[in-house]
N, C-alpha and C. Protein backbone atom coordinates (compact mmCIF):
# COMPACT_ATOMS: atom_id res chain seq x y z
N UNK A 1 60.64 17.65 32.73
CA UNK A 1 61.09 18.27 33.96
C UNK A 1 60.94 17.29 35.11
N UNK A 2 61.89 17.28 35.96
CA UNK A 2 61.84 16.40 37.11
C UNK A 2 61.40 17.18 38.35
N UNK A 3 60.63 16.53 39.18
CA UNK A 3 60.25 17.08 40.48
C UNK A 3 60.46 15.97 41.50
N UNK A 4 60.80 16.34 42.70
CA UNK A 4 61.09 15.37 43.74
C UNK A 4 60.08 15.49 44.86
N UNK A 5 59.59 14.34 45.33
CA UNK A 5 58.67 14.36 46.45
C UNK A 5 59.47 14.64 47.73
N UNK A 6 58.95 15.51 48.53
CA UNK A 6 59.64 15.95 49.75
C UNK A 6 58.86 15.48 50.98
N UNK A 7 59.30 15.93 52.13
CA UNK A 7 58.61 15.60 53.37
C UNK A 7 57.14 16.00 53.30
N UNK A 8 56.32 15.25 53.99
CA UNK A 8 54.88 15.50 54.01
C UNK A 8 54.26 15.39 52.62
N UNK A 9 54.85 14.58 51.75
CA UNK A 9 54.33 14.29 50.40
C UNK A 9 54.19 15.53 49.52
N UNK A 10 55.06 16.51 49.68
CA UNK A 10 54.97 17.75 48.90
C UNK A 10 55.87 17.69 47.67
N UNK A 11 55.35 18.27 46.58
CA UNK A 11 56.10 18.38 45.33
C UNK A 11 56.05 19.84 44.90
N UNK A 12 57.17 20.37 44.46
CA UNK A 12 57.21 21.74 43.94
C UNK A 12 56.96 21.70 42.45
N UNK A 13 55.98 22.47 41.99
CA UNK A 13 55.71 22.58 40.55
C UNK A 13 56.76 23.52 39.96
N UNK A 14 57.45 23.11 38.90
CA UNK A 14 58.49 23.96 38.32
C UNK A 14 57.97 25.35 37.96
N UNK A 15 58.81 26.37 38.23
CA UNK A 15 58.43 27.77 38.02
C UNK A 15 57.95 28.03 36.60
N UNK A 16 58.55 27.39 35.62
CA UNK A 16 58.16 27.58 34.22
C UNK A 16 56.69 27.22 34.00
N UNK A 17 56.25 26.12 34.60
CA UNK A 17 54.86 25.68 34.47
C UNK A 17 53.94 26.61 35.24
N UNK A 18 54.37 27.01 36.44
CA UNK A 18 53.56 27.93 37.26
C UNK A 18 53.31 29.22 36.49
N UNK A 19 54.36 29.76 35.89
CA UNK A 19 54.24 31.02 35.13
C UNK A 19 53.36 30.82 33.90
N UNK A 20 53.58 29.75 33.16
CA UNK A 20 52.84 29.48 31.93
C UNK A 20 51.34 29.35 32.19
N UNK A 21 50.98 28.68 33.29
CA UNK A 21 49.56 28.45 33.60
C UNK A 21 48.95 29.55 34.46
N UNK A 22 49.76 30.49 34.91
CA UNK A 22 49.23 31.57 35.74
C UNK A 22 48.79 31.09 37.12
N UNK A 23 49.46 30.08 37.63
CA UNK A 23 49.11 29.53 38.94
C UNK A 23 49.67 30.44 40.03
N UNK A 24 48.89 30.62 41.10
CA UNK A 24 49.39 31.42 42.22
C UNK A 24 49.04 30.73 43.54
N UNK A 25 49.69 31.20 44.58
CA UNK A 25 49.49 30.60 45.90
C UNK A 25 48.02 30.61 46.27
N UNK A 26 47.54 29.49 46.76
CA UNK A 26 46.14 29.37 47.17
C UNK A 26 45.26 28.74 46.11
N UNK A 27 45.75 28.61 44.87
CA UNK A 27 44.96 27.95 43.83
C UNK A 27 44.69 26.50 44.25
N UNK A 28 43.56 25.97 43.81
CA UNK A 28 43.15 24.61 44.16
C UNK A 28 43.32 23.69 42.95
N UNK A 29 43.59 22.40 43.25
CA UNK A 29 43.77 21.40 42.21
C UNK A 29 43.04 20.12 42.59
N UNK A 30 42.45 19.49 41.61
CA UNK A 30 41.92 18.14 41.76
C UNK A 30 43.10 17.21 41.48
N UNK A 31 43.36 16.28 42.38
CA UNK A 31 44.45 15.32 42.20
C UNK A 31 43.84 14.00 41.76
N UNK A 32 44.25 13.53 40.59
CA UNK A 32 43.67 12.33 40.01
C UNK A 32 44.78 11.30 39.77
N UNK A 33 44.52 10.08 40.18
CA UNK A 33 45.43 8.98 39.88
C UNK A 33 44.78 8.15 38.79
N UNK A 34 45.51 7.94 37.69
CA UNK A 34 44.95 7.17 36.58
C UNK A 34 46.08 6.43 35.88
N UNK A 35 45.89 5.15 35.71
CA UNK A 35 46.86 4.31 34.99
C UNK A 35 48.28 4.49 35.50
N UNK A 36 48.45 4.61 36.81
CA UNK A 36 49.77 4.73 37.40
C UNK A 36 50.37 6.12 37.35
N UNK A 37 49.60 7.10 36.85
CA UNK A 37 50.08 8.48 36.80
C UNK A 37 49.31 9.36 37.76
N UNK A 38 49.89 10.48 38.10
CA UNK A 38 49.23 11.47 38.97
C UNK A 38 49.01 12.72 38.14
N UNK A 39 47.79 13.21 38.12
CA UNK A 39 47.43 14.38 37.33
C UNK A 39 46.88 15.47 38.25
N UNK A 40 47.32 16.70 38.03
CA UNK A 40 46.81 17.85 38.77
C UNK A 40 45.95 18.68 37.82
N UNK A 41 44.71 18.88 38.17
CA UNK A 41 43.79 19.65 37.33
C UNK A 41 43.34 20.89 38.10
N UNK A 42 43.67 22.10 37.62
CA UNK A 42 43.23 23.31 38.32
C UNK A 42 41.71 23.37 38.38
N UNK A 43 41.18 23.79 39.52
CA UNK A 43 39.74 23.94 39.69
C UNK A 43 39.43 25.27 40.37
N UNK A 44 38.21 25.71 40.21
CA UNK A 44 37.73 26.90 40.91
C UNK A 44 36.70 26.43 41.92
N UNK A 45 36.86 26.86 43.15
CA UNK A 45 35.94 26.48 44.21
C UNK A 45 35.14 27.72 44.59
N UNK A 46 33.81 27.60 44.49
CA UNK A 46 32.94 28.71 44.84
C UNK A 46 32.33 28.48 46.21
N UNK A 47 32.19 29.51 47.02
CA UNK A 47 31.54 29.36 48.32
C UNK A 47 30.08 28.94 48.14
N UNK A 48 29.56 28.17 49.09
CA UNK A 48 28.19 27.67 49.00
C UNK A 48 27.18 28.78 48.82
N UNK A 49 27.38 29.92 49.48
CA UNK A 49 26.39 31.02 49.36
C UNK A 49 26.35 31.57 47.95
N UNK A 50 27.48 31.58 47.25
CA UNK A 50 27.49 32.03 45.85
C UNK A 50 26.73 31.04 44.96
N UNK A 51 26.94 29.75 45.19
CA UNK A 51 26.24 28.72 44.42
C UNK A 51 24.74 28.81 44.69
N UNK A 52 24.36 29.06 45.94
CA UNK A 52 22.93 29.19 46.28
C UNK A 52 22.31 30.37 45.52
N UNK A 53 23.03 31.49 45.41
CA UNK A 53 22.52 32.65 44.67
C UNK A 53 22.35 32.31 43.19
N UNK A 54 23.33 31.62 42.63
CA UNK A 54 23.25 31.22 41.22
C UNK A 54 22.07 30.28 41.00
N UNK A 55 21.88 29.33 41.91
CA UNK A 55 20.76 28.38 41.79
C UNK A 55 19.43 29.13 41.84
N UNK A 56 19.34 30.14 42.69
CA UNK A 56 18.10 30.94 42.80
C UNK A 56 17.83 31.68 41.49
N UNK A 57 18.86 32.26 40.90
CA UNK A 57 18.71 32.98 39.63
C UNK A 57 18.24 32.03 38.54
N UNK A 58 18.83 30.84 38.49
CA UNK A 58 18.44 29.85 37.48
C UNK A 58 16.98 29.44 37.68
N UNK A 59 16.59 29.19 38.92
CA UNK A 59 15.22 28.77 39.21
C UNK A 59 14.22 29.86 38.79
N UNK A 60 14.55 31.12 39.09
CA UNK A 60 13.67 32.23 38.70
C UNK A 60 13.59 32.36 37.18
N UNK A 61 14.71 32.16 36.49
CA UNK A 61 14.70 32.29 35.03
C UNK A 61 13.89 31.15 34.40
N UNK A 62 13.92 29.96 35.03
CA UNK A 62 13.11 28.85 34.52
C UNK A 62 11.62 29.17 34.61
N UNK A 63 11.23 29.86 35.68
CA UNK A 63 9.83 30.27 35.82
C UNK A 63 9.45 31.25 34.71
N UNK A 64 10.36 32.19 34.42
CA UNK A 64 10.11 33.17 33.36
C UNK A 64 9.99 32.49 32.00
N UNK A 65 10.83 31.51 31.75
CA UNK A 65 10.80 30.79 30.47
C UNK A 65 9.48 30.05 30.32
N UNK A 66 8.98 29.46 31.41
CA UNK A 66 7.72 28.72 31.36
C UNK A 66 6.55 29.63 30.99
N UNK A 67 6.65 30.91 31.34
CA UNK A 67 5.58 31.87 31.05
C UNK A 67 5.59 32.33 29.59
N UNK A 68 6.71 32.15 28.91
CA UNK A 68 6.83 32.63 27.54
C UNK A 68 6.18 31.66 26.57
N UNK A 69 5.67 32.24 25.50
CA UNK A 69 5.04 31.40 24.48
C UNK A 69 5.87 31.45 23.20
N UNK A 70 5.74 30.41 22.41
CA UNK A 70 6.44 30.35 21.14
C UNK A 70 5.57 31.00 20.06
N UNK A 71 6.20 31.57 19.07
CA UNK A 71 5.48 32.20 17.97
C UNK A 71 5.46 31.25 16.78
N UNK A 72 4.36 31.28 16.04
CA UNK A 72 4.21 30.42 14.88
C UNK A 72 5.10 30.87 13.73
N UNK A 73 5.43 32.17 13.71
CA UNK A 73 6.25 32.69 12.62
C UNK A 73 7.02 33.92 13.10
N UNK A 74 8.00 34.32 12.30
CA UNK A 74 8.75 35.53 12.60
C UNK A 74 7.83 36.74 12.52
N UNK A 75 6.91 36.71 11.59
CA UNK A 75 5.98 37.82 11.45
C UNK A 75 5.15 38.00 12.72
N UNK A 76 4.72 36.87 13.33
CA UNK A 76 3.96 36.95 14.57
C UNK A 76 4.80 37.53 15.71
N UNK A 77 6.07 37.16 15.72
CA UNK A 77 6.99 37.69 16.74
C UNK A 77 7.09 39.20 16.63
N UNK A 78 7.34 39.71 15.39
CA UNK A 78 7.45 41.15 15.19
C UNK A 78 6.13 41.85 15.50
N UNK A 79 5.03 41.25 15.13
CA UNK A 79 3.72 41.85 15.41
C UNK A 79 3.52 41.98 16.92
N UNK A 80 3.94 40.97 17.68
CA UNK A 80 3.82 41.01 19.14
C UNK A 80 4.66 42.15 19.73
N UNK A 81 5.77 42.48 19.07
CA UNK A 81 6.63 43.57 19.52
C UNK A 81 6.16 44.91 18.99
N UNK A 82 5.09 44.91 18.20
CA UNK A 82 4.57 46.15 17.65
C UNK A 82 5.33 46.65 16.45
N UNK A 83 6.01 45.76 15.76
CA UNK A 83 6.80 46.14 14.59
C UNK A 83 6.10 45.64 13.33
N UNK A 84 5.85 46.56 12.44
CA UNK A 84 5.24 46.22 11.15
C UNK A 84 6.38 45.98 10.17
N UNK A 85 6.64 44.68 9.86
CA UNK A 85 7.79 44.37 9.02
C UNK A 85 7.65 44.85 7.58
N UNK A 86 6.43 45.18 7.17
CA UNK A 86 6.24 45.72 5.82
C UNK A 86 6.73 47.17 5.73
N UNK A 87 6.89 47.83 6.87
CA UNK A 87 7.31 49.25 6.88
C UNK A 87 8.68 49.43 7.54
N UNK A 88 9.54 48.43 7.42
CA UNK A 88 10.87 48.54 8.03
C UNK A 88 11.89 48.84 6.96
């Protein structure tokens, strides 16, 4: 498919590709130049406050993981949960 560069360096992505990839107005792309070619890679941009919330959740979960202990055997794990594997 051919596309033509227009004023202000704009290129229209052919409708067939837009439909196939589910692209819509406002979507963001990383523009990469490599070996004489131009590549458009769809990206998702999250607001900083959302990333901060995710980072907080990860940090809290790391603290929880540090508190957990490993079991020497599956039997010890079930015993810790109050399950008698001989009576299951």
